Amino acid sequence: MADTVPGGIGGPVVAFEQAAVLGAADDVRAAGARTVDDTRGLVAALDAASAAATGLLCGPALAECASLLARRVRDVERETDGVAAGMERAAGVLVDADEEVARRVADAAG
């Protein structure tokens, strides 16, 4: 809980916690972007294999795998963005909650 005394450590602690959450949100976005980039390369390889297998029994299966993987990568992209955005909102809530507690403590102290 934050320190409400001027010169206390509450503000810097909350700022540190907020920075940690925002940094973690950036990490989530970066990991999602790496996953998306890597998966798009695999989708392209599956598409190329499907084109090369034209007329073979495995050609349509490879095309379907590429399509399914492409849909999943779009889902992953949305999910990681949603998680990161939620973390950023949570960081804001952390500051708001700390300020509310500080106000209540100050009001109670008179």
PDB file of N, CA and C in Angstrom:
ATOM      1  N   MET A   1       0.845  -1.176   0.000  1.00  0.00           N
ATOM      2  CA  MET A   1       0.000   0.000   0.000  1.00  0.00           C
ATOM      3  C   MET A   1       0.888   1.235   0.000  1.00  0.00           C
ATOM      4  N   ALA A   2       0.428   2.292  -0.582  1.00  0.00           N
ATOM      5  CA  ALA A   2       1.228   3.503  -0.754  1.00  0.00           C
ATOM      6  C   ALA A   2       1.341   4.281   0.540  1.00  0.00           C
ATOM      7  N   ASP A   3       2.434   4.957   0.669  1.00  0.00           N
ATOM      8  CA  ASP A   3       2.707   5.840   1.793  1.00  0.00           C
ATOM      9  C   ASP A   3       2.084   7.195   1.478  1.00  0.00           C
ATOM     10  N   THR A   4       1.276   7.741   2.391  1.00  0.00           N
ATOM     11  CA  THR A   4       0.589   9.010   2.104  1.00  0.00           C
ATOM     12  C   THR A   4       1.332  10.210   2.664  1.00  0.00           C
ATOM     13  N   VAL A   5       2.430   9.979   3.362  1.00  0.00           N
ATOM     14  CA  VAL A   5       3.199  11.071   3.944  1.00  0.00           C
ATOM     15  C   VAL A   5       4.052  11.704   2.847  1.00  0.00           C
ATOM     16  N   PRO A   6       4.053  13.047   2.749  1.00  0.00           N
ATOM     17  CA  PRO A   6       4.905  13.675   1.732  1.00  0.00           C
ATOM     18  C   PRO A   6       6.339  13.173   1.871  1.00  0.00           C
ATOM     19  N   GLY A   7       6.944  12.877   0.761  1.00  0.00           N
ATOM     20  CA  GLY A   7       8.309  12.375   0.785  1.00  0.00           C
ATOM     21  C   GLY A   7       8.380  10.879   1.030  1.00  0.00           C
ATOM     22  N   GLY A   8       7.213  10.233   1.145  1.00  0.00           N
ATOM     23  CA  GLY A   8       7.191   8.789   1.361  1.00  0.00           C
ATOM     24  C   GLY A   8       7.563   8.043   0.101  1.00  0.00           C
ATOM     25  N   ILE A   9       7.543   6.726   0.216  1.00  0.00           N
ATOM     26  CA  ILE A   9       7.963   5.910  -0.921  1.00  0.00           C
ATOM     27  C   ILE A   9       6.795   5.420  -1.763  1.00  0.00           C
ATOM     28  N   GLY A  10       5.574   5.740  -1.377  1.00  0.00           N
ATOM     29  CA  GLY A  10       4.400   5.218  -2.079  1.00  0.00           C
ATOM     30  C   GLY A  10       4.376   5.546  -3.555  1.00  0.00           C
ATOM     31  N   GLY A  11       4.616   6.796  -3.906  1.00  0.00           N
ATOM     32  CA  GLY A  11       4.582   7.200  -5.314  1.00  0.00           C
ATOM     33  C   GLY A  11       5.598   6.467  -6.161  1.00  0.00           C
ATOM     34  N   PRO A  12       6.866   6.440  -5.725  1.00  0.00           N
ATOM     35  CA  PRO A  12       7.857   5.706  -6.514  1.00  0.00           C
ATOM     36  C   PRO A  12       7.572   4.203  -6.603  1.00  0.00           C
ATOM     37  N   VAL A  13       7.018   3.621  -5.544  1.00  0.00           N
ATOM     38  CA  VAL A  13       6.696   2.193  -5.576  1.00  0.00           C
ATOM     39  C   VAL A  13       5.608   1.933  -6.610  1.00  0.00           C
ATOM     40  N   VAL A  14       4.562   2.748  -6.603  1.00  0.00           N
ATOM     41  CA  VAL A  14       3.483   2.585  -7.575  1.00  0.00           C
ATOM     42  C   VAL A  14       4.009   2.823  -8.984  1.00  0.00           C
ATOM     43  N   ALA A  15       4.847   3.826  -9.161  1.00  0.00           N
ATOM     44  CA  ALA A  15       5.420   4.089 -10.483  1.00  0.00           C
ATOM     45  C   ALA A  15       6.263   2.905 -10.943  1.00  0.00           C
ATOM     46  N   PHE A  16       7.022   2.300 -10.018  1.00  0.00           N
ATOM     47  CA  PHE A  16       7.831   1.133 -10.362  1.00  0.00           C
ATOM     48  C   PHE A  16       6.940  -0.038 -10.752  1.00  0.00           C
ATOM     49  N   GLU A  17       5.874  -0.261  -9.967  1.00  0.00           N
ATOM     50  CA  GLU A  17       4.955  -1.354 -10.284  1.00  0.00           C
ATOM     51  C   GLU A  17       4.277  -1.121 -11.632  1.00  0.00           C
ATOM     52  N   GLN A  18       3.879   0.110 -11.884  1.00  0.00           N
ATOM     53  CA  GLN A  18       3.238   0.434 -13.150  1.00  0.00           C
ATOM     54  C   GLN A  18       4.217   0.223 -14.302  1.00  0.00           C
ATOM     55  N   ALA A  19       5.448   0.661 -14.131  1.00  0.00           N
ATOM     56  CA  ALA A  19       6.455   0.471 -15.180  1.00  0.00           C
ATOM     57  C   ALA A  19       6.704  -1.015 -15.427  1.00  0.00           C
ATOM     58  N   ALA A  20       6.689  -1.816 -14.377  1.00  0.00           N
ATOM     59  CA  ALA A  20       6.898  -3.255 -14.534  1.00  0.00           C
ATOM     60  C   ALA A  20       5.752  -3.884 -15.322  1.00  0.00           C
ATOM     61  N   VAL A  21       4.530  -3.490 -15.018  1.00  0.00           N
ATOM     62  CA  VAL A  21       3.367  -4.029 -15.736  1.00  0.00           C
ATOM     63  C   VAL A  21       3.391  -3.580 -17.200  1.00  0.00           C
ATOM     64  N   LEU A  22       3.704  -2.319 -17.435  1.00  0.00           N
ATOM     65  CA  LEU A  22       3.766  -1.822 -18.813  1.00  0.00           C
ATOM     66  C   LEU A  22       4.896  -2.497 -19.590  1.00  0.00           C
ATOM     67  N   GLY A  23       6.014  -2.739 -18.918  1.00  0.00           N
ATOM     68  CA  GLY A  23       7.120  -3.457 -19.559  1.00  0.00           C
ATOM     69  C   GLY A  23       6.726  -4.882 -19.907  1.00  0.00           C
ATOM     70  N   ALA A  24       6.003  -5.528 -19.001  1.00  0.00           N
ATOM     71  CA  ALA A  24       5.535  -6.891 -19.273  1.00  0.00           C
ATOM     72  C   ALA A  24       4.534  -6.898 -20.432  1.00  0.00           C
ATOM     73  N   ALA A  25       3.702  -5.875 -20.514  1.00  0.00           N
ATOM     74  CA  ALA A  25       2.761  -5.780 -21.641  1.00  0.00           C
ATOM     75  C   ALA A  25       3.515  -5.644 -22.958  1.00  0.00           C
ATOM     76  N   ASP A  26       4.591  -4.869 -22.945  1.00  0.00           N
ATOM     77  CA  ASP A  26       5.431  -4.753 -24.146  1.00  0.00           C
ATOM     78  C   ASP A  26       6.045  -6.107 -24.504  1.00  0.00           C
ATOM     79  N   ASP A  27       6.474  -6.851 -23.483  1.00  0.00           N
ATOM     80  CA  ASP A  27       7.047  -8.181 -23.715  1.00  0.00           C
ATOM     81  C   ASP A  27       6.020  -9.128 -24.332  1.00  0.00           C
ATOM     82  N   VAL A  28       4.772  -9.044 -23.851  1.00  0.00           N
ATOM     83  CA  VAL A  28       3.704  -9.886 -24.405  1.00  0.00           C
ATOM     84  C   VAL A  28       3.490  -9.543 -25.873  1.00  0.00           C
ATOM     85  N   ARG A  29       3.431  -8.259 -26.176  1.00  0.00           N
ATOM     86  CA  ARG A  29       3.255  -7.841 -27.576  1.00  0.00           C
ATOM     87  C   ARG A  29       4.418  -8.320 -28.446  1.00  0.00           C
ATOM     88  N   ALA A  30       5.640  -8.190 -27.929  1.00  0.00           N
ATOM     89  CA  ALA A  30       6.816  -8.609 -28.701  1.00  0.00           C
ATOM     90  C   ALA A  30       6.803 -10.117 -28.936  1.00  0.00           C
ATOM     91  N   ALA A  31       6.455 -10.875 -27.914  1.00  0.00           N
ATOM     92  CA  ALA A  31       6.386 -12.335 -28.068  1.00  0.00           C
ATOM     93  C   ALA A  31       5.302 -12.712 -29.074  1.00  0.00           C
ATOM     94  N   GLY A  32       4.182 -12.026 -29.019  1.00  0.00           N
ATOM     95  CA  GLY A  32       3.112 -12.271 -29.984  1.00  0.00           C
ATOM     96  C   GLY A  32       3.557 -11.947 -31.394  1.00  0.00           C
ATOM     97  N   ALA A  33       4.267 -10.850 -31.554  1.00  0.00           N
ATOM     98  CA  ALA A  33       4.750 -10.448 -32.888  1.00  0.00           C
ATOM     99  C   ALA A  33       5.742 -11.473 -33.429  1.00  0.00           C
ATOM    100  N   ARG A  34       6.644 -11.969 -32.558  1.00  0.00           N
ATOM    101  CA  ARG A  34       7.597 -12.989 -33.004  1.00  0.00           C
ATOM    102  C   ARG A  34       6.871 -14.261 -33.421  1.00  0.00           C
ATOM    103  N   THR A  35       5.885 -14.653 -32.634  1.00  0.00           N
ATOM    104  CA  THR A  35       5.116 -15.851 -32.951  1.00  0.00           C
ATOM    105  C   THR A  35       4.392 -15.690 -34.279  1.00  0.00           C
ATOM    106  N   VAL A  36       3.777 -14.538 -34.475  1.00  0.00           N
ATOM    107  CA  VAL A  36       3.059 -14.267 -35.714  1.00  0.00           C
ATOM    108  C   VAL A  36       4.024 -14.304 -36.903  1.00  0.00           C
ATOM    109  N   ASP A  37       5.156 -13.638 -36.777  1.00  0.00           N
ATOM    110  CA  ASP A  37       6.132 -13.623 -37.876  1.00  0.00           C
ATOM    111  C   ASP A  37       6.632 -15.028 -38.203  1.00  0.00           C
ATOM    112  N   ASP A  38       6.977 -15.789 -37.168  1.00  0.00           N
ATOM    113  CA  ASP A  38       7.460 -17.152 -37.387  1.00  0.00           C
ATOM    114  C   ASP A  38       6.385 -18.019 -38.031  1.00  0.00           C
ATOM    115  N   THR A  39       5.159 -17.866 -37.580  1.00  0.00           N
ATOM    116  CA  THR A  39       4.073 -18.689 -38.099  1.00  0.00           C
ATOM    117  C   THR A  39       3.730 -18.313 -39.533  1.00  0.00           C
ATOM    118  N   ARG A  40       3.811 -17.040 -39.855  1.00  0.00           N
ATOM    119  CA  ARG A  40       3.547 -16.632 -41.243  1.00  0.00           C
ATOM    120  C   ARG A  40       4.557 -17.271 -42.202  1.00  0.00           C
ATOM    121  N   GLY A  41       5.788 -17.433 -41.755  1.00  0.00           N
ATOM    122  CA  GLY A  41       6.778 -18.127 -42.571  1.00  0.00           C
ATOM    123  C   GLY A  41       6.391 -19.577 -42.798  1.00  0.00           C
ATOM    124  N   LEU A  42       5.854 -20.210 -41.773  1.00  0.00           N
ATOM    125  CA  LEU A  42       5.412 -21.596 -41.905  1.00  0.00           C
ATOM    126  C   LEU A  42       4.204 -21.699 -42.828  1.00  0.00           C
ATOM    127  N   VAL A  43       3.285 -20.741 -42.729  1.00  0.00           N
ATOM    128  CA  VAL A  43       2.126 -20.721 -43.627  1.00  0.00           C
ATOM    129  C   VAL A  43       2.604 -20.600 -45.080  1.00  0.00           C
ATOM    130  N   ALA A  44       3.564 -19.736 -45.319  1.00  0.00           N
ATOM    131  CA  ALA A  44       4.089 -19.570 -46.680  1.00  0.00           C
ATOM    132  C   ALA A  44       4.731 -20.872 -47.167  1.00  0.00           C
ATOM    133  N   ALA A  45       5.445 -21.548 -46.289  1.00  0.00           N
ATOM    134  CA  ALA A  45       6.066 -22.827 -46.672  1.00  0.00           C
ATOM    135  C   ALA A  45       5.005 -23.876 -46.981  1.00  0.00           C
ATOM    136  N   LEU A  46       3.948 -23.912 -46.191  1.00  0.00           N
ATOM    137  CA  LEU A  46       2.871 -24.859 -46.463  1.00  0.00           C
ATOM    138  C   LEU A  46       2.168 -24.537 -47.781  1.00  0.00           C
ATOM    139  N   ASP A  47       1.965 -23.252 -48.039  1.00  0.00           N
ATOM    140  CA  ASP A  47       1.366 -22.845 -49.318  1.00  0.00           C
ATOM    141  C   ASP A  47       2.253 -23.280 -50.484  1.00  0.00           C
ATOM    142  N   ALA A  48       3.549 -23.075 -50.353  1.00  0.00           N
ATOM    143  CA  ALA A  48       4.484 -23.469 -51.422  1.00  0.00           C
ATOM    144  C   ALA A  48       4.470 -24.983 -51.614  1.00  0.00           C
ATOM    145  N   ALA A  49       4.436 -25.727 -50.507  1.00  0.00           N
ATOM    146  CA  ALA A  49       4.395 -27.186 -50.600  1.00  0.00           C
ATOM    147  C   ALA A  49       3.098 -27.644 -51.248  1.00  0.00           C
ATOM    148  N   SER A  50       2.012 -26.976 -50.912  1.00  0.00           N
ATOM    149  CA  SER A  50       0.720 -27.312 -51.503  1.00  0.00           C
ATOM    150  C   SER A  50       0.734 -27.079 -53.012  1.00  0.00           C
ATOM    151  N   ALA A  51       1.315 -25.952 -53.419  1.00  0.00           N
ATOM    152  CA  ALA A  51       1.400 -25.647 -54.853  1.00  0.00           C
ATOM    153  C   ALA A  51       2.279 -26.666 -55.573  1.00  0.00           C
ATOM    154  N   ALA A  52       3.357 -27.071 -54.899  1.00  0.00           N
ATOM    155  CA  ALA A  52       4.252 -28.057 -55.505  1.00  0.00           C
ATOM    156  C   ALA A  52       3.595 -29.431 -55.590  1.00  0.00           C
ATOM    157  N   ALA A  53       2.645 -29.689 -54.705  1.00  0.00           N
ATOM    158  CA  ALA A  53       1.990 -31.000 -54.662  1.00  0.00           C
ATOM    159  C   ALA A  53       0.697 -31.024 -55.469  1.00  0.00           C
ATOM    160  N   THR A  54       0.531 -30.064 -56.361  1.00  0.00           N
ATOM    161  CA  THR A  54      -0.672 -30.024 -57.195  1.00  0.00           C
ATOM    162  C   THR A  54      -0.831 -31.358 -57.925  1.00  0.00           C
ATOM    163  N   GLY A  55      -2.027 -31.883 -57.837  1.00  0.00           N
ATOM    164  CA  GLY A  55      -2.306 -33.163 -58.484  1.00  0.00           C
ATOM    165  C   GLY A  55      -2.029 -34.363 -57.596  1.00  0.00           C
ATOM    166  N   LEU A  56      -1.355 -34.147 -56.485  1.00  0.00           N
ATOM    167  CA  LEU A  56      -1.098 -35.243 -55.540  1.00  0.00           C
ATOM    168  C   LEU A  56      -2.170 -35.242 -54.456  1.00  0.00           C
ATOM    169  N   LEU A  57      -2.314 -36.344 -53.815  1.00  0.00           N
ATOM    170  CA  LEU A  57      -3.308 -36.486 -52.756  1.00  0.00           C
ATOM    171  C   LEU A  57      -3.056 -35.524 -51.590  1.00  0.00           C
ATOM    172  N   CYS A  58      -1.792 -35.231 -51.301  1.00  0.00           N
ATOM    173  CA  CYS A  58      -1.471 -34.382 -50.141  1.00  0.00           C
ATOM    174  C   CYS A  58      -1.630 -32.886 -50.432  1.00  0.00           C
ATOM    175  N   GLY A  59      -1.761 -32.479 -51.683  1.00  0.00           N
ATOM    176  CA  GLY A  59      -1.867 -31.062 -52.028  1.00  0.00           C
ATOM    177  C   GLY A  59      -3.001 -30.346 -51.314  1.00  0.00           C
ATOM    178  N   PRO A  60      -4.235 -30.841 -51.405  1.00  0.00           N
ATOM    179  CA  PRO A  60      -5.336 -30.174 -50.705  1.00  0.00           C
ATOM    180  C   PRO A  60      -5.165 -30.182 -49.180  1.00  0.00           C
ATOM    181  N   ALA A  61      -4.594 -31.248 -48.639  1.00  0.00           N
ATOM    182  CA  ALA A  61      -4.376 -31.309 -47.191  1.00  0.00           C
ATOM    183  C   ALA A  61      -3.378 -30.245 -46.755  1.00  0.00           C
ATOM    184  N   LEU A  62      -2.315 -30.061 -47.529  1.00  0.00           N
ATOM    185  CA  LEU A  62      -1.339 -29.019 -47.214  1.00  0.00           C
ATOM    186  C   LEU A  62      -1.975 -27.630 -47.308  1.00  0.00           C
ATOM    187  N   ALA A  63      -2.815 -27.419 -48.315  1.00  0.00           N
ATOM    188  CA  ALA A  63      -3.507 -26.132 -48.459  1.00  0.00           C
ATOM    189  C   ALA A  63      -4.427 -25.881 -47.270  1.00  0.00           C
ATOM    190  N   GLU A  64      -5.119 -26.912 -46.815  1.00  0.00           N
ATOM    191  CA  GLU A  64      -6.006 -26.757 -45.657  1.00  0.00           C
ATOM    192  C   GLU A  64      -5.205 -26.480 -44.394  1.00  0.00           C
ATOM    193  N   CYS A  65      -4.064 -27.139 -44.253  1.00  0.00           N
ATOM    194  CA  CYS A  65      -3.194 -26.867 -43.092  1.00  0.00           C
ATOM    195  C   CYS A  65      -2.725 -25.412 -43.101  1.00  0.00           C
ATOM    196  N   ALA A  66      -2.349 -24.926 -44.268  1.00  0.00           N
ATOM    197  CA  ALA A  66      -1.907 -23.533 -44.386  1.00  0.00           C
ATOM    198  C   ALA A  66      -3.038 -22.583 -44.009  1.00  0.00           C
ATOM    199  N   SER A  67      -4.245 -22.873 -44.479  1.00  0.00           N
ATOM    200  CA  SER A  67      -5.397 -22.027 -44.185  1.00  0.00           C
ATOM    201  C   SER A  67      -5.717 -22.029 -42.685  1.00  0.00           C
ATOM    202  N   LEU A  68      -5.705 -23.207 -42.097  1.00  0.00           N
ATOM    203  CA  LEU A  68      -5.981 -23.330 -40.661  1.00  0.00           C
ATOM    204  C   LEU A  68      -4.933 -22.596 -39.835  1.00  0.00           C
ATOM    205  N   LEU A  69      -3.683 -22.778 -40.195  1.00  0.00           N
ATOM    206  CA  LEU A  69      -2.610 -22.106 -39.468  1.00  0.00           C
ATOM    207  C   LEU A  69      -2.697 -20.596 -39.622  1.00  0.00           C
ATOM    208  N   ALA A  70      -3.059 -20.118 -40.788  1.00  0.00           N
ATOM    209  CA  ALA A  70      -3.223 -18.678 -41.001  1.00  0.00           C
ATOM    210  C   ALA A  70      -4.338 -18.113 -40.129  1.00  0.00           C
ATOM    211  N   ARG A  71      -5.434 -18.859 -40.008  1.00  0.00           N
ATOM    212  CA  ARG A  71      -6.527 -18.404 -39.124  1.00  0.00           C
ATOM    213  C   ARG A  71      -6.065 -18.375 -37.669  1.00  0.00           C
ATOM    214  N   ARG A  72      -5.346 -19.405 -37.262  1.00  0.00           N
ATOM    215  CA  ARG A  72      -4.879 -19.462 -35.874  1.00  0.00           C
ATOM    216  C   ARG A  72      -3.903 -18.332 -35.562  1.00  0.00           C
ATOM    217  N   VAL A  73      -3.049 -17.976 -36.514  1.00  0.00           N
ATOM    218  CA  VAL A  73      -2.096 -16.902 -36.258  1.00  0.00           C
ATOM    219  C   VAL A  73      -2.820 -15.564 -36.111  1.00  0.00           C
ATOM    220  N   ARG A  74      -3.910 -15.382 -36.855  1.00  0.00           N
ATOM    221  CA  ARG A  74      -4.711 -14.156 -36.678  1.00  0.00           C
ATOM    222  C   ARG A  74      -5.336 -14.140 -35.285  1.00  0.00           C
ATOM    223  N   ASP A  75      -5.798 -15.310 -34.824  1.00  0.00           N
ATOM    224  CA  ASP A  75      -6.358 -15.408 -33.468  1.00  0.00           C
ATOM    225  C   ASP A  75      -5.305 -15.080 -32.415  1.00  0.00           C
ATOM    226  N   VAL A  76      -4.114 -15.625 -32.595  1.00  0.00           N
ATOM    227  CA  VAL A  76      -3.023 -15.376 -31.644  1.00  0.00           C
ATOM    228  C   VAL A  76      -2.683 -13.886 -31.605  1.00  0.00           C
ATOM    229  N   GLU A  77      -2.661 -13.280 -32.759  1.00  0.00           N
ATOM    230  CA  GLU A  77      -2.363 -11.849 -32.832  1.00  0.00           C
ATOM    231  C   GLU A  77      -3.396 -11.032 -32.053  1.00  0.00           C
ATOM    232  N   ARG A  78      -4.672 -11.343 -32.240  1.00  0.00           N
ATOM    233  CA  ARG A  78      -5.733 -10.639 -31.499  1.00  0.00           C
ATOM    234  C   ARG A  78      -5.627 -10.911 -29.999  1.00  0.00           C
ATOM    235  N   GLU A  79      -5.368 -12.161 -29.640  1.00  0.00           N
ATOM    236  CA  GLU A  79      -5.299 -12.518 -28.224  1.00  0.00           C
ATOM    237  C   GLU A  79      -4.127 -11.834 -27.520  1.00  0.00           C
ATOM    238  N   THR A  80      -2.956 -11.824 -28.149  1.00  0.00           N
ATOM    239  CA  THR A  80      -1.813 -11.184 -27.493  1.00  0.00           C
ATOM    240  C   THR A  80      -2.032  -9.675 -27.383  1.00  0.00           C
ATOM    241  N   ASP A  81      -2.629  -9.064 -28.398  1.00  0.00           N
ATOM    242  CA  ASP A  81      -2.939  -7.638 -28.295  1.00  0.00           C
ATOM    243  C   ASP A  81      -3.937  -7.383 -27.167  1.00  0.00           C
ATOM    244  N   GLY A  82      -4.926  -8.273 -27.034  1.00  0.00           N
ATOM    245  CA  GLY A  82      -5.915  -8.130 -25.966  1.00  0.00           C
ATOM    246  C   GLY A  82      -5.310  -8.287 -24.587  1.00  0.00           C
ATOM    247  N   VAL A  83      -4.420  -9.250 -24.439  1.00  0.00           N
ATOM    248  CA  VAL A  83      -3.755  -9.454 -23.145  1.00  0.00           C
ATOM    249  C   VAL A  83      -2.906  -8.234 -22.794  1.00  0.00           C
ATOM    250  N   ALA A  84      -2.123  -7.754 -23.753  1.00  0.00           N
ATOM    251  CA  ALA A  84      -1.274  -6.591 -23.506  1.00  0.00           C
ATOM    252  C   ALA A  84      -2.114  -5.359 -23.174  1.00  0.00           C
ATOM    253  N   ALA A  85      -3.207  -5.158 -23.882  1.00  0.00           N
ATOM    254  CA  ALA A  85      -4.082  -4.008 -23.603  1.00  0.00           C
ATOM    255  C   ALA A  85      -4.694  -4.133 -22.212  1.00  0.00           C
ATOM    256  N   GLY A  86      -5.065  -5.338 -21.823  1.00  0.00           N
ATOM    257  CA  GLY A  86      -5.594  -5.556 -20.476  1.00  0.00           C
ATOM    258  C   GLY A  86      -4.563  -5.246 -19.408  1.00  0.00           C
ATOM    259  N   MET A  87      -3.333  -5.621 -19.666  1.00  0.00           N
ATOM    260  CA  MET A  87      -2.260  -5.319 -18.712  1.00  0.00           C
ATOM    261  C   MET A  87      -2.056  -3.813 -18.590  1.00  0.00           C
ATOM    262  N   GLU A  88      -2.131  -3.111 -19.713  1.00  0.00           N
ATOM    263  CA  GLU A  88      -1.977  -1.656 -19.679  1.00  0.00           C
ATOM    264  C   GLU A  88      -3.130  -1.005 -18.912  1.00  0.00           C
ATOM    265  N   ARG A  89      -4.332  -1.514 -19.112  1.00  0.00           N
ATOM    266  CA  ARG A  89      -5.479  -0.985 -18.340  1.00  0.00           C
ATOM    267  C   ARG A  89      -5.278  -1.272 -16.856  1.00  0.00           C
ATOM    268  N   ALA A  90      -4.777  -2.454 -16.539  1.00  0.00           N
ATOM    269  CA  ALA A  90      -4.548  -2.820 -15.138  1.00  0.00           C
ATOM    270  C   ALA A  90      -3.522  -1.894 -14.491  1.00  0.00           C
ATOM    271  N   ALA A  91      -2.522  -1.497 -15.241  1.00  0.00           N
ATOM    272  CA  ALA A  91      -1.525  -0.570 -14.702  1.00  0.00           C
ATOM    273  C   ALA A  91      -2.181   0.755 -14.343  1.00  0.00           C
ATOM    274  N   GLY A  92      -3.097   1.217 -15.166  1.00  0.00           N
ATOM    275  CA  GLY A  92      -3.830   2.448 -14.859  1.00  0.00           C
ATOM    276  C   GLY A  92      -4.721   2.291 -13.648  1.00  0.00           C
ATOM    277  N   VAL A  93      -5.348   1.118 -13.528  1.00  0.00           N
ATOM    278  CA  VAL A  93      -6.203   0.843 -12.371  1.00  0.00           C
ATOM    279  C   VAL A  93      -5.371   0.826 -11.093  1.00  0.00           C
ATOM    280  N   LEU A  94      -4.151   0.310 -11.190  1.00  0.00           N
ATOM    281  CA  LEU A  94      -3.253   0.285 -10.035  1.00  0.00           C
ATOM    282  C   LEU A  94      -3.018   1.694  -9.508  1.00  0.00           C
ATOM    283  N   VAL A  95      -2.751   2.620 -10.391  1.00  0.00           N
ATOM    284  CA  VAL A  95      -2.521   4.011  -9.985  1.00  0.00           C
ATOM    285  C   VAL A  95      -3.800   4.610  -9.414  1.00  0.00           C
ATOM    286  N   ASP A  96      -4.924   4.385 -10.080  1.00  0.00           N
ATOM    287  CA  ASP A  96      -6.200   4.920  -9.595  1.00  0.00           C
ATOM    288  C   ASP A  96      -6.528   4.387  -8.207  1.00  0.00           C
ATOM    289  N   ALA A  97      -6.323   3.090  -8.003  1.00  0.00           N
ATOM    290  CA  ALA A  97      -6.615   2.484  -6.693  1.00  0.00           C
ATOM    291  C   ALA A  97      -5.694   3.057  -5.626  1.00  0.00           C
ATOM    292  N   ASP A  98      -4.425   3.243  -5.956  1.00  0.00           N
ATOM    293  CA  ASP A  98      -3.487   3.805  -4.994  1.00  0.00           C
ATOM    294  C   ASP A  98      -3.890   5.223  -4.610  1.00  0.00           C
ATOM    295  N   GLU A  99      -4.307   6.010  -5.594  1.00  0.00           N
ATOM    296  CA  GLU A  99      -4.731   7.382  -5.304  1.00  0.00           C
ATOM    297  C   GLU A  99      -5.987   7.400  -4.451  1.00  0.00           C
ATOM    298  N   GLU A 100      -6.921   6.480  -4.706  1.00  0.00           N
ATOM    299  CA  GLU A 100      -8.153   6.403  -3.913  1.00  0.00           C
ATOM    300  C   GLU A 100      -7.835   6.033  -2.465  1.00  0.00           C
ATOM    301  N   VAL A 101      -6.962   5.064  -2.283  1.00  0.00           N
ATOM    302  CA  VAL A 101      -6.583   4.666  -0.918  1.00  0.00           C
ATOM    303  C   VAL A 101      -5.896   5.828  -0.214  1.00  0.00           C
ATOM    304  N   ALA A 102      -5.016   6.525  -0.911  1.00  0.00           N
ATOM    305  CA  ALA A 102      -4.328   7.665  -0.306  1.00  0.00           C
ATOM    306  C   ALA A 102      -5.327   8.747   0.104  1.00  0.00           C
ATOM    307  N   ARG A 103      -6.339   9.008  -0.743  1.00  0.00           N
ATOM    308  CA  ARG A 103      -7.366   9.998  -0.389  1.00  0.00           C
ATOM    309  C   ARG A 103      -8.137   9.563   0.846  1.00  0.00           C
ATOM    310  N   ARG A 104      -8.516   8.305   0.898  1.00  0.00           N
ATOM    311  CA  ARG A 104      -9.289   7.811   2.044  1.00  0.00           C
ATOM    312  C   ARG A 104      -8.483   7.875   3.330  1.00  0.00           C
ATOM    313  N   VAL A 105      -7.201   7.528   3.241  1.00  0.00           N
ATOM    314  CA  VAL A 105      -6.348   7.588   4.426  1.00  0.00           C
ATOM    315  C   VAL A 105      -6.184   9.038   4.878  1.00  0.00           C
ATOM    316  N   ALA A 106      -5.977   9.933   3.923  1.00  0.00           N
ATOM    317  CA  ALA A 106      -5.843  11.346   4.259  1.00  0.00           C
ATOM    318  C   ALA A 106      -7.127  11.896   4.881  1.00  0.00           C
ATOM    319  N   ASP A 107      -8.279  11.495   4.319  1.00  0.00           N
ATOM    320  CA  ASP A 107      -9.571  11.934   4.880  1.00  0.00           C
ATOM    321  C   ASP A 107      -9.765  11.395   6.276  1.00  0.00           C
ATOM    322  N   ALA A 108      -9.394  10.155   6.503  1.00  0.00           N
ATOM    323  CA  ALA A 108      -9.559   9.524   7.819  1.00  0.00           C
ATOM    324  C   ALA A 108      -8.626  10.170   8.837  1.00  0.00           C
ATOM    325  N   ALA A 109      -7.449  10.603   8.386  1.00  0.00           N
ATOM    326  CA  ALA A 109      -6.482  11.221   9.298  1.00  0.00           C
ATOM    327  C   ALA A 109      -6.909  12.639   9.662  1.00  0.00           C
ATOM    328  N   GLY A 110      -7.824  13.180   8.880  1.00  0.00           N
ATOM    329  CA  GLY A 110      -8.345  14.506   9.191  1.00  0.00           C
ATOM    330  C   GLY A 110      -7.590  15.537   8.527  1.00  0.00           C
TER     331      GLY A 110
END
